Amino acid sequence: MKKMLMVLLSLLLALSAVSAASAEVITGMAVEPFTGRTANYARIRVADAEKALLSVELIVPEVFRQDDVEALKPGDSIYTGGEEVLIQSVDHEGDYVILNKGEYEFSDGSVWLEQHYTDGNYQVRVMDDYVWMVLEQMETPVPEHLVFLDWIDPSTGDILDLPSVHSGADFWTMLQDPEGPGFDVNNVMAAFDEQGALALVWRFYTPWQ
C-alpha cells in the first residue's frame, strides 16, 4: 500500500510539473522607439516654473496580440500594469475577453481586454480609459512657435465643436492653472518638429477630466 501511495504521489507531482510547464505568461507587444517624427499621446506637467520648463511623458496604450489573448486559459498569466495576474477564469462578451470576471463590471482583480476594431489586437480597458506604458520622459522649454489646440472648454471640461487655438504663452498659463482640467490625465497628444522641439499640443475631451 505504501509503495502504491508513493507511485500515486509521484504521478501527481509529475502531472503538476507538466501543467506548470504548459502555463503561459503573455506580455504586451513591443513598441516602436520615439523618433520625434510622429504625434504621441502624452502627459504634460510643469517641471520648473521659474525656467518655464515642461515635463513631457510620452505614453502608449498597452496592447496584446490577438492570438495570445484568444489562446489564454485558466492557469496562464498576463503581465499588465506592472504586475503578473494569474488567470482563474476566461469569459467572452462582445468585443471583450474578461479574465477573472467579478461580480460587477471592472471588479478588482479582473482584467478587461477590449479588441481593437482595426487590427484585432487587444487593449486593457479600465473603466473609460486604458492601461498606458511610458515610452519616454523629457524636460523641454516652451517654444515660442508652439501651437496649442484645445478641444474642450477649460472652464467646464465640455467638448467643443471646433478647437480653440492658442499660443505657447497661453498654453503655459493654462498649464499652471490648478483649477483647470489639466494636461496629465491621458487627454493630450503632442507632436515635435524636425529639430525635436515641441511644436503642437492637442488636448481632447475625456469623460474623467
Protein backbone atom coordinates (compact mmCIF):
# COMPACT_ATOMS: atom_id res chain seq x y z
CA MET A 1 0.00 0.00 0.00
CA LYS A 2 2.80 2.37 0.94
CA LYS A 3 4.51 1.69 -2.36
CA MET A 4 1.26 2.39 -4.27
CA LEU A 5 0.80 5.70 -2.44
CA MET A 6 4.33 6.70 -3.36
CA VAL A 7 3.64 5.88 -7.01
CA LEU A 8 0.40 7.92 -6.96
CA LEU A 9 2.21 10.84 -5.31
CA SER A 10 4.92 10.70 -7.95
CA LEU A 11 2.31 10.73 -10.71
CA LEU A 12 0.53 13.72 -9.16
CA LEU A 13 3.81 15.62 -8.89
CA ALA A 14 4.63 14.80 -12.50
CA LEU A 15 1.22 15.97 -13.69
CA SER A 16 1.60 19.17 -11.66
CA ALA A 17 5.01 19.81 -13.25
CA VAL A 18 3.60 19.25 -16.73
CA SER A 19 0.71 21.61 -16.01
CA ALA A 20 3.05 24.29 -14.71
CA ALA A 21 5.35 23.90 -17.68
CA SER A 22 2.44 24.30 -20.10
CA ALA A 23 1.15 27.51 -18.46
CA GLU A 24 1.73 30.66 -20.49
CA VAL A 25 2.56 34.20 -19.40
CA ILE A 26 1.71 36.79 -22.03
CA THR A 27 3.10 40.32 -22.13
CA GLY A 28 2.27 43.42 -24.15
CA MET A 29 3.59 43.95 -27.64
CA ALA A 30 6.87 45.79 -28.12
CA VAL A 31 6.50 49.44 -29.11
CA GLU A 32 8.46 51.48 -31.61
CA PRO A 33 11.05 53.83 -30.07
CA PHE A 34 10.34 57.55 -30.06
CA THR A 35 11.72 59.24 -33.18
CA GLY A 36 10.27 62.73 -32.82
CA ARG A 37 8.54 62.50 -36.18
CA THR A 38 5.15 61.29 -35.04
CA ALA A 39 2.39 62.52 -32.77
CA ASN A 40 2.26 60.74 -29.41
CA TYR A 41 -0.13 60.57 -26.52
CA ALA A 42 1.40 62.50 -23.65
CA ARG A 43 1.14 63.73 -20.09
CA ILE A 44 2.43 67.26 -19.61
CA ARG A 45 3.21 68.95 -16.29
CA VAL A 46 5.23 71.90 -15.04
CA ALA A 47 8.83 70.80 -14.43
CA ASP A 48 10.27 74.17 -13.39
CA ALA A 49 8.05 77.25 -13.24
CA GLU A 50 10.93 79.72 -12.96
CA LYS A 51 12.66 78.36 -16.07
CA ALA A 52 9.37 77.69 -17.90
CA LEU A 53 10.30 74.04 -18.33
CA LEU A 54 7.78 71.36 -19.21
CA SER A 55 7.84 67.75 -18.08
CA VAL A 56 6.64 65.67 -21.03
CA GLU A 57 5.87 62.00 -20.59
CA LEU A 58 5.15 60.19 -23.85
CA ILE A 59 2.79 57.25 -23.38
CA VAL A 60 1.36 54.40 -25.44
CA PRO A 61 -1.53 52.06 -24.63
CA GLU A 62 -0.60 48.54 -23.57
CA VAL A 63 -1.50 46.21 -26.47
CA PHE A 64 -1.64 42.41 -26.57
CA ARG A 65 -1.58 40.24 -29.67
CA GLN A 66 -4.93 38.77 -30.70
CA ASP A 67 -3.60 35.21 -30.92
CA ASP A 68 -2.03 35.40 -27.45
CA VAL A 69 -5.20 36.72 -25.83
CA GLU A 70 -7.58 34.31 -27.52
CA ALA A 71 -5.41 31.34 -26.53
CA LEU A 72 -5.46 32.19 -22.81
CA LYS A 73 -6.84 29.60 -20.40
CA PRO A 74 -7.11 29.20 -16.62
CA GLY A 75 -3.67 28.64 -15.14
CA ASP A 76 -1.99 31.06 -17.55
CA SER A 77 -0.94 34.57 -16.53
CA ILE A 78 -0.91 38.04 -18.04
CA TYR A 79 1.63 40.73 -17.21
CA THR A 80 -0.17 44.06 -17.24
CA GLY A 81 0.12 47.35 -15.42
CA GLY A 82 3.45 46.29 -13.93
CA GLU A 83 2.23 43.08 -12.30
CA GLU A 84 1.57 39.46 -13.20
CA VAL A 85 -2.04 38.32 -12.87
CA LEU A 86 -2.86 34.62 -12.55
CA ILE A 87 -5.86 33.73 -14.70
CA GLN A 88 -8.57 31.76 -12.94
CA SER A 89 -11.36 32.19 -15.50
CA VAL A 90 -11.80 33.41 -19.08
CA ASP A 91 -15.08 34.86 -20.38
CA HIS A 92 -16.01 36.32 -23.76
CA GLU A 93 -18.55 39.15 -24.04
CA GLY A 94 -18.84 41.05 -27.31
CA ASP A 95 -15.52 42.77 -28.04
CA TYR A 96 -14.15 41.83 -24.62
CA VAL A 97 -12.14 38.94 -23.26
CA ILE A 98 -12.62 39.13 -19.48
CA LEU A 99 -10.10 37.49 -17.18
CA ASN A 100 -11.16 36.71 -13.60
CA LYS A 101 -14.61 38.24 -14.08
CA GLY A 102 -16.02 39.61 -10.84
CA GLU A 103 -19.47 40.44 -9.53
CA TYR A 104 -19.58 43.80 -11.29
CA GLU A 105 -18.00 45.47 -14.30
CA PHE A 106 -14.26 46.12 -13.90
CA SER A 107 -14.15 44.42 -10.49
CA ASP A 108 -10.84 44.49 -8.61
CA GLY A 109 -8.66 41.61 -9.79
CA SER A 110 -10.37 41.30 -13.17
CA VAL A 111 -8.73 42.23 -16.47
CA TRP A 112 -10.93 43.50 -19.30
CA LEU A 113 -9.29 43.16 -22.71
CA GLU A 114 -11.05 45.07 -25.47
CA GLN A 115 -10.48 44.11 -29.10
CA HIS A 116 -9.39 46.97 -31.33
CA TYR A 117 -11.54 47.38 -34.41
CA THR A 118 -8.66 47.95 -36.86
CA ASP A 119 -6.04 45.28 -36.19
CA GLY A 120 -7.87 42.81 -33.95
CA ASN A 121 -5.35 43.12 -31.11
CA TYR A 122 -6.46 43.81 -27.54
CA GLN A 123 -6.03 46.71 -25.12
CA VAL A 124 -6.60 46.53 -21.37
CA ARG A 125 -9.63 48.62 -20.53
CA VAL A 126 -10.01 50.30 -17.13
CA MET A 127 -13.44 51.91 -16.97
CA ASP A 128 -13.32 54.58 -19.73
CA ASP A 129 -9.52 54.57 -20.01
CA TYR A 130 -6.73 52.15 -20.88
CA VAL A 131 -3.54 50.91 -19.25
CA TRP A 132 -0.64 53.03 -20.51
CA MET A 133 3.10 52.44 -20.78
CA VAL A 134 5.67 55.24 -20.61
CA LEU A 135 7.61 55.47 -23.87
CA GLU A 136 9.92 58.34 -22.94
CA GLN A 137 10.27 61.16 -20.41
CA MET A 138 11.87 64.53 -21.11
CA GLU A 139 12.09 68.11 -19.97
CA THR A 140 11.72 70.83 -22.58
CA PRO A 141 11.18 74.61 -22.67
CA VAL A 142 8.00 76.13 -24.02
CA PRO A 143 8.91 77.08 -27.63
CA GLU A 144 7.75 80.43 -28.96
CA HIS A 145 6.27 78.74 -32.03
CA LEU A 146 4.24 76.20 -30.01
CA VAL A 147 0.62 75.87 -31.13
CA PHE A 148 -1.95 74.61 -28.64
CA LEU A 149 -5.29 73.25 -29.90
CA ASP A 150 -7.88 72.83 -27.18
CA TRP A 151 -10.93 70.68 -27.97
CA ILE A 152 -12.54 71.34 -24.58
CA ASP A 153 -13.86 74.36 -22.73
CA PRO A 154 -11.27 74.79 -19.93
CA SER A 155 -13.85 76.27 -17.57
CA THR A 156 -16.24 73.31 -17.79
CA GLY A 157 -14.34 70.45 -19.46
CA ASP A 158 -17.11 70.16 -22.08
CA ILE A 159 -16.20 69.16 -25.63
CA LEU A 160 -16.11 71.86 -28.32
CA ASP A 161 -17.34 71.57 -31.91
CA LEU A 162 -14.06 73.09 -33.12
CA PRO A 163 -10.83 73.56 -31.14
CA SER A 164 -9.75 76.92 -29.80
CA VAL A 165 -6.25 77.93 -30.96
CA HIS A 166 -3.66 79.26 -28.51
CA SER A 167 -0.03 80.37 -28.43
CA GLY A 168 2.74 78.81 -26.40
CA ALA A 169 2.36 81.59 -23.84
CA ASP A 170 -1.35 80.85 -23.49
CA PHE A 171 -0.59 77.16 -23.08
CA TRP A 172 1.96 77.85 -20.33
CA THR A 173 -0.57 79.97 -18.44
CA MET A 174 -3.28 77.31 -18.71
CA LEU A 175 -0.87 74.57 -17.70
CA GLN A 176 -0.24 76.33 -14.40
CA ASP A 177 -3.95 76.75 -13.60
CA PRO A 178 -4.70 74.38 -10.69
CA GLU A 179 -8.44 74.64 -11.33
CA GLY A 180 -8.28 73.62 -15.00
CA PRO A 181 -8.83 70.13 -16.44
CA GLY A 182 -5.07 69.59 -16.61
CA PHE A 183 -2.82 68.06 -19.23
CA ASP A 184 -1.68 64.90 -17.44
CA VAL A 185 -4.77 62.68 -17.32
CA ASN A 186 -4.24 60.85 -20.63
CA ASN A 187 -6.02 63.62 -22.55
CA VAL A 188 -3.22 65.08 -24.66
CA MET A 189 -1.34 64.44 -27.89
CA ALA A 190 2.00 66.10 -28.62
CA ALA A 191 4.00 66.49 -31.83
CA PHE A 192 7.59 67.58 -32.35
CA ASP A 193 9.31 69.42 -35.19
CA GLU A 194 12.39 68.26 -37.16
CA GLN A 195 14.70 69.77 -34.52
CA GLY A 196 12.99 67.78 -31.78
CA ALA A 197 11.24 70.79 -30.24
CA LEU A 198 7.65 70.55 -29.08
CA ALA A 199 5.56 72.05 -31.88
CA LEU A 200 1.94 71.10 -31.24
CA VAL A 201 -0.14 70.22 -28.19
CA TRP A 202 -3.65 68.93 -28.70
CA ARG A 203 -5.96 68.45 -25.69
CA PHE A 204 -9.06 66.34 -26.32
CA TYR A 205 -12.17 65.50 -24.34
CA THR A 206 -12.19 62.61 -21.89
CA PRO A 207 -15.09 61.77 -19.55
CA TRP A 208 -12.88 61.65 -16.45
CA GLN A 209 -11.13 65.04 -16.68
